[in-house]
Protein backbone atom coordinates (compact mmCIF):
# COMPACT_ATOMS: atom_id res chain seq x y z
CA MET A 1 164.41 144.04 253.66
CA ARG A 2 165.72 143.22 257.09
CA ARG A 3 169.10 144.50 258.15
CA SER A 4 171.27 143.26 260.92
CA LYS A 5 174.83 143.00 262.16
CA ARG A 6 176.41 140.63 264.57
CA MET A 7 179.04 140.85 267.23
CA ARG A 8 181.82 143.40 267.22
CA CYS A 9 184.73 144.45 269.39
CA PRO A 10 183.82 146.65 272.39
CA ASP A 11 185.17 149.75 270.70
CA GLY A 12 183.62 148.71 267.38
CA ARG A 13 186.87 149.01 265.45
CA TRP A 14 188.83 146.53 263.31
CA THR A 15 192.06 146.62 261.40
CA ASN A 16 192.32 145.30 257.85
CA GLU A 17 195.62 144.30 256.25
CA TRP A 18 196.41 143.05 252.80
CA SER A 19 197.18 139.44 253.62
CA CYS A 20 196.41 135.85 252.73
CA GLU A 21 195.92 134.81 256.35
CA GLU A 22 193.97 135.98 259.35
CA LYS A 23 195.51 136.88 262.68
CA GLU A 24 193.86 135.17 265.59
CA GLU A 25 193.98 136.08 269.23
CA GLY A 26 197.09 134.82 270.95
CA GLU A 27 198.92 133.88 267.78
CA GLU A 28 202.51 134.82 267.14
CA GLU A 29 203.43 137.93 265.23
CA ASP A 30 205.74 136.20 262.75
CA ARG A 31 203.01 134.46 260.78
CA SER A 32 203.81 134.00 257.13
CA VAL A 33 202.13 136.44 254.80
CA GLU A 34 202.32 137.16 251.14
CA THR A 35 205.23 139.30 250.03
CA ARG A 36 203.17 142.07 248.52
CA LYS A 37 202.79 145.33 250.43
CA ARG A 38 199.92 145.43 252.84
CA PRO A 39 198.62 148.94 253.49
CA LYS A 40 196.82 149.11 256.81
CA TRP A 41 193.50 150.81 257.23
CA ASP A 42 190.91 150.99 259.90
CA SER A 43 187.25 150.16 259.66
CA ARG A 44 184.41 149.09 261.77
CA SER A 45 183.78 145.38 261.76
CA VAL A 46 181.08 143.88 259.63
CA GLU A 47 181.68 140.42 260.91
CA ARG A 48 178.62 139.25 262.76
CA ASP A 49 177.45 142.31 264.60
CA ARG A 50 173.76 141.67 264.82
CA ARG A 51 172.35 145.06 265.65
CA PRO A 52 168.84 144.93 264.20
CA GLY A 53 167.77 147.18 261.40
CA ARG A 54 171.09 147.98 259.93
CA PHE A 55 173.04 146.53 257.08
CA HIS A 56 172.54 144.16 254.19
CA HIS A 57 174.59 141.45 252.66
CA TYR A 58 174.65 140.12 249.16
CA ARG A 59 178.29 140.46 248.34
CA THR A 60 180.92 141.30 250.92
CA TYR A 61 184.00 142.43 249.05
CA GLU A 62 186.12 142.04 252.15
CA ARG A 63 188.65 139.76 250.57
CA CYS A 64 189.98 140.76 247.17
CA ARG A 65 192.75 138.40 246.22
CA LYS A 66 195.38 138.75 243.60
CA SER A 67 194.59 135.92 241.24
CA SER A 68 193.04 135.36 237.86
CA ARG A 69 189.89 136.90 239.25
CA GLY A 70 191.17 139.89 241.18
CA LEU A 71 192.42 141.09 244.52
CA GLU A 72 191.45 139.50 247.74
CA PHE A 73 192.04 140.83 251.21
CA THR A 74 191.26 139.42 254.61
CA GLU A 75 190.73 141.12 257.90
CA ARG A 76 192.99 140.97 260.86
CA ARG A 77 191.17 141.82 264.01
CA ALA A 78 192.01 143.03 267.46
CA PRO A 79 191.52 140.65 270.42
CA GLU A 80 187.89 140.54 271.45
CA PRO A 81 186.16 139.27 274.58
CA ARG A 82 184.34 135.95 274.60
CA PRO A 83 180.63 136.37 273.85
CA LYS A 84 178.33 135.74 276.77
CA PRO A 85 176.31 132.61 275.98
CA ARG A 86 172.60 133.12 276.33
CA GLY A 87 171.17 129.82 275.19
CA HIS A 88 167.73 130.37 273.73
CA GLU A 89 167.63 133.95 274.96
CA LYS A 90 167.98 136.87 272.61
CA ARG A 91 171.53 136.75 271.33
CA ALA A 92 171.95 139.58 268.87
CA SER A 93 175.42 140.23 270.21
CA ASP A 94 176.32 136.59 270.82
CA ARG A 95 177.39 135.80 267.30
CA ALA A 96 181.09 136.16 266.70
CA VAL A 97 182.14 138.21 263.75
CA PRO A 98 184.06 136.35 261.03
CA GLU A 99 187.59 137.59 260.59
CA LYS A 100 187.21 138.02 256.85
CA GLU A 101 183.71 139.24 257.04
CA GLN A 102 183.07 142.90 257.17
CA ASP A 103 184.98 145.85 256.12
CA GLY A 104 183.83 149.33 256.86
CA ASP A 105 180.48 150.31 258.17
CA GLY A 106 178.36 147.28 257.61
CA HIS A 107 177.50 143.90 256.28
CA TRP A 108 174.62 143.61 253.80
CA HIS A 109 172.54 140.65 254.73
CA HIS A 110 169.86 140.42 252.07
CA TYR A 111 167.25 142.16 250.02
CA SER A 112 163.95 141.85 251.81
CA LYS A 113 160.41 142.77 250.81
CA SER A 114 159.23 142.70 254.40
CA LEU A 115 161.73 145.02 255.99
CA ALA A 116 159.49 148.05 256.09
CA ARG A 117 156.99 146.26 258.30
CA CYS A 118 159.48 145.74 261.07
CA GLU A 119 162.23 148.34 261.02
CA SER A 120 163.27 151.73 259.77
CA ARG A 121 164.91 151.63 256.38
CA GLU A 122 167.41 154.35 257.13
CA GLN A 123 170.44 154.33 259.41
CA GLN A 124 172.88 157.12 260.07
CA HIS A 125 176.08 156.48 258.17
CA HIS A 126 179.25 156.60 260.26
CA SER A 127 182.22 157.59 258.18
CA GLY A 128 185.49 155.74 258.73
CA HIS A 129 188.98 156.27 257.40
CA SER A 130 189.28 155.34 253.77
CA HIS A 131 191.93 152.91 252.55
CA SER A 132 193.27 155.66 250.35
CA LYS A 133 192.75 159.37 250.12
CA SER A 134 189.52 160.21 248.38
CA HIS A 135 187.82 163.41 247.40
CA ARG A 136 184.46 164.59 246.21
CA ARG A 137 184.20 163.86 242.52
CA LYS A 138 181.75 165.65 240.29
CA ARG A 139 180.95 164.08 236.94
CA THR A 140 177.74 165.72 235.82
CA ARG A 141 175.06 167.76 237.48
CA SER A 142 173.15 164.52 238.07
CA PHE A 143 175.87 162.16 239.33
CA GLU A 144 178.34 162.84 242.10
CA ASP A 145 180.31 160.75 244.64
CA ASP A 146 180.75 161.51 248.32
CA GLU A 147 184.11 161.44 250.07
CA GLU A 148 183.82 157.69 250.69
CA GLY A 149 183.20 156.91 247.03
CA HIS A 150 179.46 156.18 247.42
CA LEU A 151 177.16 157.46 244.71
CA ILE A 152 175.08 160.42 245.88
CA TYR A 153 171.44 159.88 244.97
CA HIS A 154 167.96 160.78 246.20
CA ASN A 155 164.64 158.99 246.47
CA GLY A 156 162.66 159.36 243.26
CA GLN A 157 165.78 159.53 241.12
CA VAL A 158 165.63 157.32 238.04
CA LEU A 159 168.75 155.45 236.94
CA ARG A 160 169.20 154.50 233.29
CA ALA A 161 165.68 155.77 232.62
CA ARG A 162 164.46 152.59 234.24
CA TYR A 163 165.13 152.08 237.97
CA GLU A 164 163.32 154.56 240.21
CA ILE A 165 164.87 154.67 243.68
CA VAL A 166 162.29 154.18 246.43
CA SER A 167 164.45 153.98 249.54
CA THR A 168 167.83 152.94 250.92
CA LEU A 169 167.88 149.40 252.24
CA GLY A 170 171.42 149.39 253.61
CA GLU A 171 174.97 150.57 253.24
CA GLY A 172 178.46 149.27 253.79
CA ALA A 173 182.09 150.05 253.09
CA PHE A 174 181.78 148.79 249.52
CA GLY A 175 178.51 150.38 248.49
CA LYS A 176 174.80 150.74 249.12
CA VAL A 177 171.63 148.77 248.41
CA VAL A 178 168.47 150.55 247.37
CA GLU A 179 164.96 149.38 246.64
CA CYS A 180 163.79 150.41 243.18
CA ILE A 181 160.76 150.27 240.97
CA ASP A 182 161.59 148.77 237.58
CA ASN A 183 159.54 150.96 235.24
CA THR A 184 160.07 148.62 232.31
CA GLU A 185 158.60 145.63 234.17
CA ASP A 186 155.20 146.96 235.26
CA GLY A 187 156.52 148.51 238.44
CA MET A 188 158.22 145.37 239.78
CA ARG A 189 160.23 146.00 242.95
CA VAL A 190 163.89 145.05 242.81
CA ALA A 191 167.01 145.42 244.94
CA LEU A 192 169.81 147.43 243.34
CA LYS A 193 173.31 147.24 244.75
CA ILE A 194 175.46 150.27 243.93
CA ILE A 195 179.16 149.54 244.36
CA LYS A 196 181.65 152.23 245.37
CA ASN A 197 183.63 153.87 242.63
CA GLN A 198 186.94 152.39 243.79
CA ALA A 199 189.11 150.01 241.80
CA ARG A 200 189.19 147.05 244.20
CA TYR A 201 185.44 147.07 244.75
CA ARG A 202 184.73 147.45 241.05
CA GLU A 203 186.96 144.48 240.26
CA ALA A 204 185.35 142.29 242.92
CA ALA A 205 181.87 143.29 241.73
CA LEU A 206 182.72 142.32 238.17
CA ILE A 207 183.87 138.93 239.44
CA GLU A 208 180.51 138.38 241.12
CA VAL A 209 178.68 139.48 237.99
CA GLU A 210 180.48 136.82 235.96
CA VAL A 211 179.62 134.09 238.48
CA LEU A 212 175.96 135.16 238.56
CA LYS A 213 175.81 135.26 234.76
CA GLN A 214 177.11 131.71 234.49
CA MET A 215 174.69 130.50 237.14
CA LYS A 216 171.78 132.15 235.35
CA ALA A 217 172.80 130.59 232.03
CA LEU A 218 173.12 127.11 233.56
CA ASP A 219 169.82 127.40 235.44
CA CYS A 220 167.89 129.13 232.70
CA GLU A 221 164.53 127.83 233.96
CA ASN A 222 165.20 129.13 237.49
CA ARG A 223 164.51 125.75 239.08
CA LEU A 224 167.25 125.86 241.70
CA ALA A 225 167.23 127.88 244.89
CA CYS A 226 169.97 130.35 243.94
CA VAL A 227 169.36 134.09 243.93
CA ARG A 228 168.90 135.50 240.46
CA MET A 229 170.68 138.50 238.98
CA LEU A 230 168.25 140.41 236.78
CA ASP A 231 170.54 143.04 235.34
CA TRP A 232 173.80 144.89 235.85
CA PHE A 233 175.37 148.04 234.49
CA ASP A 234 178.20 150.53 234.99
CA LEU A 235 176.95 153.91 236.19
CA HIS A 236 179.71 156.52 236.02
CA GLY A 237 182.23 154.12 237.55
CA HIS A 238 179.79 152.41 239.93
CA ILE A 239 179.00 148.77 239.17
CA CYS A 240 175.28 148.28 239.81
CA ILE A 241 173.76 144.81 240.21
CA VAL A 242 170.00 144.24 240.14
CA PHE A 243 168.58 141.32 242.13
CA GLU A 244 165.15 139.96 242.78
CA LEU A 245 163.68 141.25 246.03
CA LEU A 246 163.47 138.47 248.63
CA GLY A 247 162.22 138.03 252.18
CA LEU A 248 163.99 137.75 255.52
CA SER A 249 167.07 135.64 256.01
CA THR A 250 166.56 132.48 258.01
CA TYR A 251 168.68 134.01 260.79
CA ASP A 252 166.52 137.13 260.96
CA PHE A 253 163.38 135.00 260.98
CA LEU A 254 164.77 133.07 263.96
CA LYS A 255 165.63 136.34 265.64
CA ALA A 256 162.17 137.81 265.04
CA ASN A 257 160.71 134.59 266.45
CA ASP A 258 162.75 134.96 269.66
CA TYR A 259 165.08 132.19 268.45
CA MET A 260 162.39 129.55 268.52
CA PRO A 261 163.76 126.60 266.49
CA PHE A 262 162.30 125.41 263.23
CA THR A 263 160.52 122.06 263.31
CA VAL A 264 162.18 119.01 261.78
CA ASP A 265 159.63 119.01 258.98
CA GLN A 266 160.37 122.66 258.20
CA ILE A 267 164.11 121.94 258.25
CA ARG A 268 163.61 119.03 255.85
CA HIS A 269 161.82 121.22 253.29
CA MET A 270 164.42 124.00 253.50
CA ALA A 271 167.42 121.66 253.55
CA ASP A 272 166.27 119.86 250.40
CA GLN A 273 166.26 123.16 248.47
CA ILE A 274 169.54 124.36 249.95
CA PHE A 275 171.34 121.08 249.27
CA ARG A 276 170.21 121.04 245.65
CA ALA A 277 171.29 124.67 245.14
CA VAL A 278 174.76 124.15 246.61
CA HIS A 279 175.11 120.79 244.83
CA PHE A 280 174.45 122.71 241.60
CA LEU A 281 177.43 124.94 242.45
CA HIS A 282 179.60 121.92 243.20
CA GLN A 283 178.64 120.28 239.93
CA ASN A 284 179.89 123.41 238.19
CA LYS A 285 183.21 123.35 240.07
CA LEU A 286 182.30 126.17 242.47
CA THR A 287 182.54 126.27 246.25
CA HIS A 288 180.32 128.86 247.97
CA THR A 289 182.72 129.24 250.98
CA ASP A 290 180.39 131.45 253.05
CA LEU A 291 177.26 129.48 253.81
CA LYS A 292 175.41 130.65 256.95
CA PRO A 293 171.81 131.40 258.00
CA GLU A 294 172.18 135.03 256.86
CA ASN A 295 172.89 133.87 253.34
CA ILE A 296 169.77 131.72 253.08
CA LEU A 297 166.67 133.83 252.48
CA PHE A 298 162.99 133.11 252.43
CA VAL A 299 161.44 133.92 249.08
CA ASP A 300 158.48 135.28 251.04
CA SER A 301 158.82 135.64 254.80
CA ASP A 302 155.14 136.28 255.53
CA CYS A 303 154.06 134.22 258.51
CA ASP A 304 151.15 133.22 260.71
CA ILE A 305 151.38 134.56 264.24
CA GLU A 306 149.82 132.82 267.21
CA TYR A 307 150.09 133.55 270.92
CA ASN A 308 151.57 130.75 273.00
CA ALA A 309 149.92 131.12 276.41
CA LYS A 310 152.26 128.59 278.01
CA LEU A 311 155.41 130.41 276.91
CA LYS A 312 153.67 133.80 277.06
CA ARG A 313 154.93 134.92 273.68
CA GLU A 314 153.93 135.09 270.05
CA GLU A 315 155.12 132.36 267.72
CA ARG A 316 155.66 132.84 264.01
CA THR A 317 155.18 130.09 261.45
CA PRO A 318 156.33 130.81 257.88
CA LYS A 319 153.56 130.44 255.33
CA ASN A 320 156.02 129.55 252.57
CA LEU A 321 159.14 127.45 253.13
CA ASP A 322 160.74 128.31 249.78
CA VAL A 323 164.28 129.63 250.30
CA LYS A 324 167.19 130.84 248.18
CA VAL A 325 170.95 130.85 248.67
CA VAL A 326 172.63 134.25 248.20
CA ASP A 327 176.07 135.89 248.28
CA PHE A 328 178.20 134.24 245.65
CA GLY A 329 180.82 136.96 245.76
CA ASN A 330 183.23 134.70 247.62
CA ALA A 331 182.50 131.63 245.51
CA THR A 332 185.73 130.02 244.30
CA TYR A 333 186.27 127.79 241.30
CA ASP A 334 188.16 124.53 241.81
CA HIS A 335 191.03 125.67 239.58
CA GLU A 336 191.47 129.04 241.31
CA HIS A 337 193.78 129.99 244.15
CA HIS A 338 192.30 128.87 247.49
CA THR A 339 193.02 131.30 250.32
CA SER A 340 193.98 129.70 253.61
CA VAL A 341 190.92 130.99 255.48
CA VAL A 342 187.32 130.95 254.26
CA SER A 343 183.85 130.86 255.81
CA THR A 344 182.39 132.72 258.74
CA ARG A 345 183.88 131.50 262.01
CA HIS A 346 180.92 129.50 263.35
CA TYR A 347 180.50 127.53 260.11
CA ARG A 348 184.19 127.02 259.38
CA ALA A 349 185.26 123.43 258.76
CA PRO A 350 188.09 121.87 260.82
CA GLU A 351 190.37 121.51 257.80
CA VAL A 352 190.09 125.27 257.30
CA VAL A 353 190.83 126.04 260.95
CA LEU A 354 193.87 123.75 260.83
CA GLU A 355 194.92 125.16 257.44
CA LEU A 356 195.09 121.77 255.80
CA GLY A 357 193.61 123.02 252.54
CA TRP A 358 189.95 122.84 251.61
CA ASN A 359 187.59 121.88 248.82
CA GLN A 360 183.83 121.67 248.29
CA ALA A 361 183.47 119.54 251.42
CA CYS A 362 183.84 122.70 253.53
CA ASP A 363 180.39 123.75 252.27
CA VAL A 364 178.96 120.46 253.54
CA TRP A 365 180.35 121.11 257.03
CA SER A 366 178.89 124.63 256.99
CA LEU A 367 175.48 123.28 256.03
CA GLY A 368 175.64 120.80 258.91
CA CYS A 369 176.26 123.69 261.31
CA ILE A 370 173.37 125.62 259.78
CA LEU A 371 170.92 122.71 260.14
CA ILE A 372 171.75 122.14 263.81
CA GLU A 373 171.28 125.87 264.36
CA TYR A 374 167.82 125.66 262.81
CA TYR A 375 167.08 122.72 265.10
CA LEU A 376 168.36 124.36 268.30
CA GLY A 377 167.67 128.00 267.59
CA LEU A 378 171.24 128.80 268.67
CA THR A 379 174.74 128.63 267.25
CA LEU A 380 176.51 125.35 267.94
CA PHE A 381 180.09 126.66 267.94
CA GLN A 382 179.83 130.03 269.66
CA THR A 383 183.42 131.22 269.88
CA HIS A 384 185.94 133.74 268.58
CA ASP A 385 189.09 131.66 269.02
CA SER A 386 190.36 128.89 266.74
CA ARG A 387 191.83 126.71 269.49
CA GLU A 388 188.62 126.97 271.48
CA HIS A 389 186.67 126.24 268.29
CA LEU A 390 188.58 122.98 267.86
CA ALA A 391 187.97 122.10 271.52
CA MET A 392 184.25 122.63 270.97
CA MET A 393 184.36 120.32 267.97
CA GLU A 394 186.00 117.63 270.09
CA ARG A 395 183.40 118.09 272.82
CA VAL A 396 180.55 117.68 270.30
CA LEU A 397 182.02 115.23 267.79
CA GLY A 398 184.85 113.44 269.57
CA PRO A 399 188.65 113.67 269.17
CA ILE A 400 190.12 115.17 266.03
CA PRO A 401 191.95 112.44 264.06
CA ALA A 402 195.66 112.28 264.84
CA HIS A 403 196.67 112.50 261.18
CA MET A 404 194.96 115.89 260.86
CA LEU A 405 196.78 117.24 263.91
CA GLN A 406 200.07 115.86 262.60
CA GLN A 407 199.66 117.60 259.25
CA THR A 408 198.55 121.03 260.47
CA ARG A 409 200.80 124.06 260.15
CA LYS A 410 199.29 125.30 263.41
CA ARG A 411 201.83 123.45 265.52
CA HIS A 412 201.02 125.52 268.60
CA TYR A 413 197.57 123.85 268.64
CA VAL A 414 199.13 120.41 269.14
CA HIS A 415 200.90 118.83 272.10
CA HIS A 416 202.01 115.18 272.13
CA GLY A 417 199.81 114.40 269.12
CA LYS A 418 196.64 115.82 270.70
CA LEU A 419 194.89 119.16 270.78
CA ASP A 420 196.75 121.37 273.25
CA TRP A 421 193.81 122.24 275.48
CA ASP A 422 193.44 122.86 279.20
CA GLU A 423 190.00 121.71 280.31
CA CYS A 424 190.50 123.33 283.71
CA SER A 425 191.02 126.83 282.29
CA SER A 426 188.23 129.38 282.01
CA SER A 427 187.94 128.52 278.31
CA GLY A 428 187.82 124.84 279.19
CA ARG A 429 184.99 125.42 281.64
CA TYR A 430 183.17 127.51 279.04
CA VAL A 431 183.39 124.71 276.47
CA ARG A 432 182.23 122.03 278.94
CA LYS A 433 179.29 124.18 280.00
CA HIS A 434 178.05 125.14 276.57
CA CYS A 435 178.84 122.09 274.45
CA LYS A 436 177.88 118.44 274.72
CA PRO A 437 178.02 115.33 272.51
CA LEU A 438 175.95 115.75 269.36
CA LYS A 439 173.32 113.10 270.10
CA GLN A 440 172.56 114.73 273.46
CA TYR A 441 171.03 117.67 271.58
CA MET A 442 168.20 115.45 270.32
CA SER A 443 164.84 116.60 271.64
CA SER A 444 163.08 113.39 270.58
CA LYS A 445 163.91 109.75 269.85
CA SER A 446 161.48 109.54 266.95
CA TRP A 447 162.52 108.17 263.56
CA GLU A 448 162.77 111.57 261.87
CA HIS A 449 164.94 112.99 264.66
CA GLU A 450 167.19 109.91 264.54
CA GLN A 451 167.58 110.26 260.78
CA PHE A 452 168.23 113.99 261.06
CA PHE A 453 171.08 113.47 263.52
CA ASP A 454 172.48 110.62 261.45
CA LEU A 455 172.66 113.03 258.51
CA LEU A 456 174.30 115.69 260.71
CA GLN A 457 176.90 113.20 261.92
CA LYS A 458 177.84 112.36 258.33
CA MET A 459 177.99 116.03 257.30
CA MET A 460 180.21 116.95 260.24
CA GLU A 461 182.77 114.22 259.72
CA TYR A 462 186.31 115.48 260.40
CA ASP A 463 187.97 113.56 257.59
CA VAL A 464 187.14 115.23 254.27
CA SER A 465 187.52 111.93 252.41
CA LYS A 466 184.82 110.36 254.60
CA ARG A 467 182.45 113.36 254.77
CA ILE A 468 179.19 112.84 252.92
CA THR A 469 178.78 114.69 249.61
CA LEU A 470 175.66 116.70 248.85
CA GLU A 471 174.75 114.24 246.10
CA GLU A 472 174.73 111.51 248.74
CA ALA A 473 173.04 113.74 251.32
CA ILE A 474 170.09 114.44 249.01
CA LYS A 475 169.47 110.66 248.89
CA HIS A 476 169.65 110.23 252.68
CA PRO A 477 166.60 108.59 254.35
CA PHE A 478 165.89 111.86 256.14
CA PHE A 479 164.44 113.13 252.85
CA THR A 480 162.32 110.02 252.19
CA PRO A 481 159.05 111.76 253.23
CA LEU A 482 159.64 114.41 250.53
CA ARG A 483 160.23 111.78 247.88
CA LYS A 484 157.01 110.03 248.87
CA GLU A 485 155.12 113.32 248.61
CA SER A 486 156.46 113.96 245.13
CA GLU A 487 155.41 110.49 243.99
CA LYS A 488 151.81 111.04 244.95
């Protein structure tokens, strides 16, 4: 299992508040918030700090809302410096951290079989201030919690007379992930997530369990590329969820490959699986809301390695292009309350940034951002600031429609019916330097590249009513070669 975090504030600290909105740099203090009390607490960001070999991510219980499904909280963060763009260079610290993303010590990215080959499985745990006072709780001689509410365990310990703990894969503010041997399944290796024994994390974990159960029931033959829950149980107040053990995330594969882009053919094979998996969610009235390269995992990340004498570096080619979508903890049903802010910053749709309301189309925008990242090897919208994010969109995709700017509650983003943006400012120069019209990113004028960018253009349409659906995207000519292969 590979672990990684992305960018953080210089001092590594973040402030969480119970709220329905995020606070962005430069915004006024009198933003509207929900009337319930919002206890403040400090934590280290889990947003997109990409330090290698650290944390894992299947479910990030950062936002626990008060609705029919539980509590949701979002992060409010301190002002942070603009990331230094590095193009195709190593950019572990270039990725901005999503405001809602991490809470506490880390962000769990995935459960990976291949982690041990590349990095140490253990990281020193840095304790932060808890949201509420906690104490060491002893239940039996075998089970005990630490001061943070994590279950105390040891390698070799067997849970429920079935799951033998092999090693720790990662830890975060809401729990830990361990690799286990399932002694009832001929020693099969699984990933077991052990949630903290705290009410808000338990409630959020139970929400995820219900979503995963429904997905498993609807896809009983396991045909779609969605991660599969194998089991779950309550262990002395800790909700434990058992998942299949997967390979590296597509982001970590890019990182290990020195951010060398995937080929168009590789993107086509992965995109077809991803689109069908997310379309399956949409058909069942669910929106994922947090699609990003970290949440798309290779089933098996073994690869062929060849030395490129021209570039003087090794290049990795995945042997198997099968992928799975993970992290359904933030998935939202159509009938449920929709918080104003969803998605990790870089993959956040314009209607979300402008707080115009959102629906399943926000997943389509996120997938468009993911595909262009696979193609370029770098993040398209590399920013921490919403206004700058919108300016980048305009630089890449053209002006934001006037009707969207007229309807937004973010009136300070608009001036005389246009985005209030100074192109001569330092931010303006940054945007001009690092963004360009979408078609200018094409590395070839071949048919498959033309079709790929035509699909991207349709997926990154500002107007939600005009944005392509995943049902339509699956039928796009870009996927014609796959259909021809299946017919043979």
